[in-house]
């Protein structure tokens, strides 16, 4: 029977006729590091800065976000100058999203090339409505390829339906991302917390 010392853990064949009784230790991995957060209170926009080459992947966690105006889409814009300005020109972003809701088995697709990236659709603001989302951004500091991100959200829409929402987006121009901005399609962000994390490289 082979001993633990002569088994290659990365190529361990569990179909062999022996039991492995040791401990396999994988390669070291990174951890999410908190960078900053912002809390909305009747805010037109919320901005998060501090994105750099320190991390390859960043994540924004949006919690308890509620629009001041009922039935609004939550959107995102990006910056290349540390948050001094945010890109909002025509056809600046591309996105594709899909969602399902609790009132039916139907789902909807939405594809656009616009002045923003879609993160949620028709979010409600009645008692108990609003929602949460996670946005992942990859390779923000590089300029070799277009910057991309993906979003997963869960919320209650303006008709009282629970919705699951997933999508992808990209900057249409090749440029870095060093800050992000969040805003509803119309009206303020009544409330919500936005937190930025970076994934350690090792």
C-alpha atoms as a PDB file:
ATOM      1  CA  UNK A   1       0.000   0.000   0.000  1.00  0.00           C
ATOM      2  CA  UNK A   2       1.414   3.427  -0.889  1.00  0.00           C
ATOM      3  CA  UNK A   3       2.351   5.755   1.909  1.00  0.00           C
ATOM      4  CA  UNK A   4       1.292   9.376   2.201  1.00  0.00           C
ATOM      5  CA  UNK A   5       4.790  10.535   1.313  1.00  0.00           C
ATOM      6  CA  UNK A   6       4.783   9.008  -2.165  1.00  0.00           C
ATOM      7  CA  UNK A   7       1.309  10.053  -3.237  1.00  0.00           C
ATOM      8  CA  UNK A   8       0.994  13.116  -5.451  1.00  0.00           C
ATOM      9  CA  UNK A   9      -1.944  14.889  -3.801  1.00  0.00           C
ATOM     10  CA  UNK A  10      -2.654  16.920  -6.935  1.00  0.00           C
ATOM     11  CA  UNK A  11      -3.151  13.729  -8.955  1.00  0.00           C
ATOM     12  CA  UNK A  12      -4.697  11.490  -6.307  1.00  0.00           C
ATOM     13  CA  UNK A  13      -6.701   8.722  -8.012  1.00  0.00           C
ATOM     14  CA  UNK A  14      -9.632   7.897  -5.751  1.00  0.00           C
ATOM     15  CA  UNK A  15     -10.572   4.912  -7.934  1.00  0.00           C
ATOM     16  CA  UNK A  16      -7.569   2.889  -6.705  1.00  0.00           C
ATOM     17  CA  UNK A  17      -8.146   0.039  -4.272  1.00  0.00           C
ATOM     18  CA  UNK A  18      -6.691   1.744  -1.232  1.00  0.00           C
ATOM     19  CA  UNK A  19      -7.747   4.320   1.283  1.00  0.00           C
ATOM     20  CA  UNK A  20      -5.844   7.528   1.792  1.00  0.00           C
ATOM     21  CA  UNK A  21      -5.589   8.391   5.487  1.00  0.00           C
ATOM     22  CA  UNK A  22      -3.442  11.530   5.391  1.00  0.00           C
ATOM     23  CA  UNK A  23      -4.202  15.223   5.024  1.00  0.00           C
ATOM     24  CA  UNK A  24      -4.020  16.928   1.626  1.00  0.00           C
ATOM     25  CA  UNK A  25      -3.063  20.568   1.839  1.00  0.00           C
ATOM     26  CA  UNK A  26      -3.884  22.693  -1.190  1.00  0.00           C
ATOM     27  CA  UNK A  27      -1.985  25.675  -2.473  1.00  0.00           C
ATOM     28  CA  UNK A  28      -2.287  28.847  -0.438  1.00  0.00           C
ATOM     29  CA  UNK A  29      -5.093  31.172  -1.480  1.00  0.00           C
ATOM     30  CA  UNK A  30      -6.116  34.763  -0.985  1.00  0.00           C
ATOM     31  CA  UNK A  31      -8.844  36.245   1.178  1.00  0.00           C
ATOM     32  CA  UNK A  32     -11.250  39.137   0.755  1.00  0.00           C
ATOM     33  CA  UNK A  33      -9.940  42.327   2.372  1.00  0.00           C
ATOM     34  CA  UNK A  34     -12.291  45.146   3.332  1.00  0.00           C
ATOM     35  CA  UNK A  35     -11.315  48.459   1.692  1.00  0.00           C
ATOM     36  CA  UNK A  36     -14.118  50.964   2.263  1.00  0.00           C
ATOM     37  CA  UNK A  37     -17.871  51.437   2.520  1.00  0.00           C
ATOM     38  CA  UNK A  38     -20.499  54.107   2.035  1.00  0.00           C
ATOM     39  CA  UNK A  39     -24.045  54.386   3.381  1.00  0.00           C
ATOM     40  CA  UNK A  40     -26.734  56.060   1.285  1.00  0.00           C
ATOM     41  CA  UNK A  41     -29.293  58.394   2.823  1.00  0.00           C
ATOM     42  CA  UNK A  42     -31.395  60.207   0.213  1.00  0.00           C
ATOM     43  CA  UNK A  43     -28.219  60.221  -1.934  1.00  0.00           C
ATOM     44  CA  UNK A  44     -28.212  61.014  -5.647  1.00  0.00           C
ATOM     45  CA  UNK A  45     -25.207  58.696  -6.100  1.00  0.00           C
ATOM     46  CA  UNK A  46     -22.828  56.565  -4.060  1.00  0.00           C
ATOM     47  CA  UNK A  47     -19.133  56.319  -4.977  1.00  0.00           C
ATOM     48  CA  UNK A  48     -16.455  53.825  -3.946  1.00  0.00           C
ATOM     49  CA  UNK A  49     -12.792  54.606  -4.619  1.00  0.00           C
ATOM     50  CA  UNK A  50      -9.564  52.760  -3.805  1.00  0.00           C
ATOM     51  CA  UNK A  51      -9.477  50.349  -6.754  1.00  0.00           C
ATOM     52  CA  UNK A  52      -5.885  49.813  -7.940  1.00  0.00           C
ATOM     53  CA  UNK A  53      -3.364  47.178  -9.001  1.00  0.00           C
ATOM     54  CA  UNK A  54      -3.146  45.944  -5.401  1.00  0.00           C
ATOM     55  CA  UNK A  55      -5.791  43.304  -6.205  1.00  0.00           C
ATOM     56  CA  UNK A  56      -6.744  41.531  -9.424  1.00  0.00           C
ATOM     57  CA  UNK A  57     -10.364  41.093  -8.330  1.00  0.00           C
ATOM     58  CA  UNK A  58     -12.658  43.460  -6.473  1.00  0.00           C
ATOM     59  CA  UNK A  59     -16.128  42.872  -5.074  1.00  0.00           C
ATOM     60  CA  UNK A  60     -18.864  45.329  -4.106  1.00  0.00           C
ATOM     61  CA  UNK A  61     -21.522  44.079  -1.696  1.00  0.00           C
ATOM     62  CA  UNK A  62     -24.734  46.087  -1.765  1.00  0.00           C
ATOM     63  CA  UNK A  63     -27.059  45.601   1.206  1.00  0.00           C
ATOM     64  CA  UNK A  64     -30.631  46.807   1.876  1.00  0.00           C
ATOM     65  CA  UNK A  65     -30.696  49.227  -1.055  1.00  0.00           C
ATOM     66  CA  UNK A  66     -34.014  51.054  -1.575  1.00  0.00           C
ATOM     67  CA  UNK A  67     -34.885  53.671  -4.216  1.00  0.00           C
ATOM     68  CA  UNK A  68     -36.572  56.935  -3.270  1.00  0.00           C
ATOM     69  CA  UNK A  69     -38.770  56.528  -6.379  1.00  0.00           C
ATOM     70  CA  UNK A  70     -40.639  53.245  -6.800  1.00  0.00           C
ATOM     71  CA  UNK A  71     -39.772  50.821  -9.596  1.00  0.00           C
ATOM     72  CA  UNK A  72     -36.295  52.056 -10.499  1.00  0.00           C
ATOM     73  CA  UNK A  73     -33.302  50.262 -12.046  1.00  0.00           C
ATOM     74  CA  UNK A  74     -30.033  50.318 -10.112  1.00  0.00           C
ATOM     75  CA  UNK A  75     -27.087  51.174 -12.359  1.00  0.00           C
ATOM     76  CA  UNK A  76     -23.299  51.483 -12.167  1.00  0.00           C
ATOM     77  CA  UNK A  77     -20.708  53.713 -13.836  1.00  0.00           C
ATOM     78  CA  UNK A  78     -16.911  53.545 -13.731  1.00  0.00           C
ATOM     79  CA  UNK A  79     -14.066  56.054 -13.457  1.00  0.00           C
ATOM     80  CA  UNK A  80     -10.524  56.210 -14.813  1.00  0.00           C
ATOM     81  CA  UNK A  81      -9.413  59.251 -12.780  1.00  0.00           C
ATOM     82  CA  UNK A  82      -9.923  58.124  -9.193  1.00  0.00           C
ATOM     83  CA  UNK A  83     -13.554  59.215  -9.017  1.00  0.00           C
ATOM     84  CA  UNK A  84     -13.156  62.815 -10.204  1.00  0.00           C
ATOM     85  CA  UNK A  85     -15.475  61.964 -13.111  1.00  0.00           C
ATOM     86  CA  UNK A  86     -17.506  58.922 -14.125  1.00  0.00           C
ATOM     87  CA  UNK A  87     -17.926  57.749 -17.710  1.00  0.00           C
ATOM     88  CA  UNK A  88     -21.463  58.504 -18.909  1.00  0.00           C
ATOM     89  CA  UNK A  89     -21.190  59.018 -22.651  1.00  0.00           C
ATOM     90  CA  UNK A  90     -23.510  57.337 -25.139  1.00  0.00           C
ATOM     91  CA  UNK A  91     -22.686  53.643 -25.718  1.00  0.00           C
ATOM     92  CA  UNK A  92     -20.047  53.671 -22.947  1.00  0.00           C
ATOM     93  CA  UNK A  93     -21.183  50.329 -21.470  1.00  0.00           C
ATOM     94  CA  UNK A  94     -22.541  47.024 -22.719  1.00  0.00           C
ATOM     95  CA  UNK A  95     -24.557  44.639 -20.566  1.00  0.00           C
ATOM     96  CA  UNK A  96     -26.686  41.504 -20.752  1.00  0.00           C
ATOM     97  CA  UNK A  97     -28.958  40.498 -17.866  1.00  0.00           C
ATOM     98  CA  UNK A  98     -31.557  37.886 -17.046  1.00  0.00           C
ATOM     99  CA  UNK A  99     -34.022  37.626 -14.185  1.00  0.00           C
ATOM    100  CA  UNK A 100     -36.789  35.408 -12.849  1.00  0.00           C
ATOM    101  CA  UNK A 101     -39.515  36.333 -10.386  1.00  0.00           C
ATOM    102  CA  UNK A 102     -41.694  34.613  -7.808  1.00  0.00           C
ATOM    103  CA  UNK A 103     -45.032  35.380  -9.471  1.00  0.00           C
ATOM    104  CA  UNK A 104     -44.393  33.156 -12.497  1.00  0.00           C
ATOM    105  CA  UNK A 105     -41.883  30.852 -14.155  1.00  0.00           C
ATOM    106  CA  UNK A 106     -41.253  33.418 -16.861  1.00  0.00           C
ATOM    107  CA  UNK A 107     -37.898  35.095 -17.217  1.00  0.00           C
ATOM    108  CA  UNK A 108     -36.718  38.124 -19.130  1.00  0.00           C
ATOM    109  CA  UNK A 109     -33.558  39.029 -21.014  1.00  0.00           C
ATOM    110  CA  UNK A 110     -32.262  42.547 -21.439  1.00  0.00           C
ATOM    111  CA  UNK A 111     -29.309  43.592 -23.572  1.00  0.00           C
ATOM    112  CA  UNK A 112     -28.142  47.156 -23.924  1.00  0.00           C
ATOM    113  CA  UNK A 113     -25.390  49.558 -24.939  1.00  0.00           C
ATOM    114  CA  UNK A 114     -25.910  52.615 -22.775  1.00  0.00           C
ATOM    115  CA  UNK A 115     -24.546  55.312 -20.468  1.00  0.00           C
ATOM    116  CA  UNK A 116     -24.562  52.893 -17.502  1.00  0.00           C
ATOM    117  CA  UNK A 117     -24.396  49.192 -16.565  1.00  0.00           C
ATOM    118  CA  UNK A 118     -27.582  47.564 -15.210  1.00  0.00           C
ATOM    119  CA  UNK A 119     -27.417  45.908 -11.755  1.00  0.00           C
ATOM    120  CA  UNK A 120     -31.102  45.567 -10.764  1.00  0.00           C
ATOM    121  CA  UNK A 121     -34.428  46.088 -12.506  1.00  0.00           C
ATOM    122  CA  UNK A 122     -37.579  47.876 -11.195  1.00  0.00           C
ATOM    123  CA  UNK A 123     -36.657  47.792  -7.504  1.00  0.00           C
ATOM    124  CA  UNK A 124     -39.571  48.526  -5.180  1.00  0.00           C
ATOM    125  CA  UNK A 125     -39.667  50.986  -2.275  1.00  0.00           C
ATOM    126  CA  UNK A 126     -42.827  49.981  -0.383  1.00  0.00           C
ATOM    127  CA  UNK A 127     -42.524  48.531   3.119  1.00  0.00           C
ATOM    128  CA  UNK A 128     -40.359  45.418   2.968  1.00  0.00           C
ATOM    129  CA  UNK A 129     -39.130  46.077  -0.587  1.00  0.00           C
ATOM    130  CA  UNK A 130     -35.571  46.756  -1.781  1.00  0.00           C
ATOM    131  CA  UNK A 131     -32.708  44.326  -2.117  1.00  0.00           C
ATOM    132  CA  UNK A 132     -29.105  43.173  -2.162  1.00  0.00           C
ATOM    133  CA  UNK A 133     -26.430  42.533  -4.802  1.00  0.00           C
ATOM    134  CA  UNK A 134     -22.830  41.420  -5.292  1.00  0.00           C
ATOM    135  CA  UNK A 135     -20.770  42.933  -8.112  1.00  0.00           C
ATOM    136  CA  UNK A 136     -17.422  41.390  -9.098  1.00  0.00           C
ATOM    137  CA  UNK A 137     -14.869  43.363 -11.137  1.00  0.00           C
ATOM    138  CA  UNK A 138     -11.805  41.681 -12.631  1.00  0.00           C
ATOM    139  CA  UNK A 139      -8.442  43.019 -13.821  1.00  0.00           C
ATOM    140  CA  UNK A 140      -9.372  46.615 -13.077  1.00  0.00           C
ATOM    141  CA  UNK A 141      -5.907  48.155 -13.425  1.00  0.00           C
ATOM    142  CA  UNK A 142      -4.885  46.621 -16.753  1.00  0.00           C
ATOM    143  CA  UNK A 143      -5.449  48.220 -20.132  1.00  0.00           C
ATOM    144  CA  UNK A 144      -4.823  45.259 -22.428  1.00  0.00           C
ATOM    145  CA  UNK A 145      -8.487  44.210 -22.653  1.00  0.00           C
ATOM    146  CA  UNK A 146     -11.904  45.711 -21.972  1.00  0.00           C
ATOM    147  CA  UNK A 147     -12.880  45.751 -18.312  1.00  0.00           C
ATOM    148  CA  UNK A 148     -15.681  43.369 -17.373  1.00  0.00           C
ATOM    149  CA  UNK A 149     -17.835  42.536 -14.352  1.00  0.00           C
ATOM    150  CA  UNK A 150     -20.703  40.310 -13.313  1.00  0.00           C
ATOM    151  CA  UNK A 151     -23.596  40.868 -10.904  1.00  0.00           C
ATOM    152  CA  UNK A 152     -25.901  38.651  -8.868  1.00  0.00           C
ATOM    153  CA  UNK A 153     -28.823  40.341  -7.127  1.00  0.00           C
ATOM    154  CA  UNK A 154     -31.900  39.406  -5.125  1.00  0.00           C
ATOM    155  CA  UNK A 155     -34.604  41.915  -4.313  1.00  0.00           C
ATOM    156  CA  UNK A 156     -38.307  42.695  -4.160  1.00  0.00           C
ATOM    157  CA  UNK A 157     -39.597  44.585  -7.180  1.00  0.00           C
ATOM    158  CA  UNK A 158     -42.278  47.278  -7.424  1.00  0.00           C
ATOM    159  CA  UNK A 159     -45.009  44.625  -7.838  1.00  0.00           C
ATOM    160  CA  UNK A 160     -44.017  42.811  -4.647  1.00  0.00           C
ATOM    161  CA  UNK A 161     -42.307  39.920  -6.446  1.00  0.00           C
ATOM    162  CA  UNK A 162     -39.075  38.355  -5.218  1.00  0.00           C
ATOM    163  CA  UNK A 163     -36.577  38.508  -8.071  1.00  0.00           C
ATOM    164  CA  UNK A 164     -33.314  36.775  -8.812  1.00  0.00           C
ATOM    165  CA  UNK A 165     -31.152  38.768 -11.220  1.00  0.00           C
ATOM    166  CA  UNK A 166     -27.842  37.917 -12.925  1.00  0.00           C
ATOM    167  CA  UNK A 167     -25.874  39.788 -15.527  1.00  0.00           C
ATOM    168  CA  UNK A 168     -22.571  40.733 -17.106  1.00  0.00           C
ATOM    169  CA  UNK A 169     -21.212  44.065 -18.260  1.00  0.00           C
ATOM    170  CA  UNK A 170     -18.202  45.742 -19.833  1.00  0.00           C
ATOM    171  CA  UNK A 171     -16.679  49.109 -20.653  1.00  0.00           C
ATOM    172  CA  UNK A 172     -16.875  49.613 -24.397  1.00  0.00           C
ATOM    173  CA  UNK A 173     -13.484  51.346 -24.420  1.00  0.00           C
ATOM    174  CA  UNK A 174     -10.192  49.844 -23.244  1.00  0.00           C
ATOM    175  CA  UNK A 175      -9.451  51.728 -20.013  1.00  0.00           C
ATOM    176  CA  UNK A 176      -8.733  50.966 -16.381  1.00  0.00           C
ATOM    177  CA  UNK A 177     -11.274  51.165 -13.537  1.00  0.00           C
ATOM    178  CA  UNK A 178     -10.211  52.900 -10.322  1.00  0.00           C
ATOM    179  CA  UNK A 179     -13.594  53.900  -8.867  1.00  0.00           C
ATOM    180  CA  UNK A 180     -17.274  53.004  -9.279  1.00  0.00           C
ATOM    181  CA  UNK A 181     -20.496  54.956  -8.916  1.00  0.00           C
ATOM    182  CA  UNK A 182     -24.014  53.684  -8.185  1.00  0.00           C
ATOM    183  CA  UNK A 183     -27.301  55.423  -8.966  1.00  0.00           C
ATOM    184  CA  UNK A 184     -30.923  54.667  -9.670  1.00  0.00           C
ATOM    185  CA  UNK A 185     -32.412  55.376 -13.092  1.00  0.00           C
ATOM    186  CA  UNK A 186     -34.446  58.193 -11.579  1.00  0.00           C
ATOM    187  CA  UNK A 187     -34.527  59.694  -8.097  1.00  0.00           C
ATOM    188  CA  UNK A 188     -32.230  59.239  -5.127  1.00  0.00           C
ATOM    189  CA  UNK A 189     -30.943  56.188  -3.289  1.00  0.00           C
ATOM    190  CA  UNK A 190     -33.125  56.338  -0.183  1.00  0.00           C
ATOM    191  CA  UNK A 191     -30.956  53.927   1.806  1.00  0.00           C
ATOM    192  CA  UNK A 192     -28.424  51.135   1.456  1.00  0.00           C
ATOM    193  CA  UNK A 193     -24.852  50.145   2.264  1.00  0.00           C
ATOM    194  CA  UNK A 194     -22.123  49.716  -0.375  1.00  0.00           C
ATOM    195  CA  UNK A 195     -18.892  47.959   0.673  1.00  0.00           C
ATOM    196  CA  UNK A 196     -15.740  47.396  -1.397  1.00  0.00           C
ATOM    197  CA  UNK A 197     -13.418  44.380  -0.951  1.00  0.00           C
ATOM    198  CA  UNK A 198     -10.247  43.227  -2.698  1.00  0.00           C
ATOM    199  CA  UNK A 199      -9.163  39.620  -3.194  1.00  0.00           C
ATOM    200  CA  UNK A 200      -5.576  39.027  -2.016  1.00  0.00           C
ATOM    201  CA  UNK A 201      -3.285  37.605  -4.692  1.00  0.00           C
ATOM    202  CA  UNK A 202      -1.654  35.149  -2.289  1.00  0.00           C
END
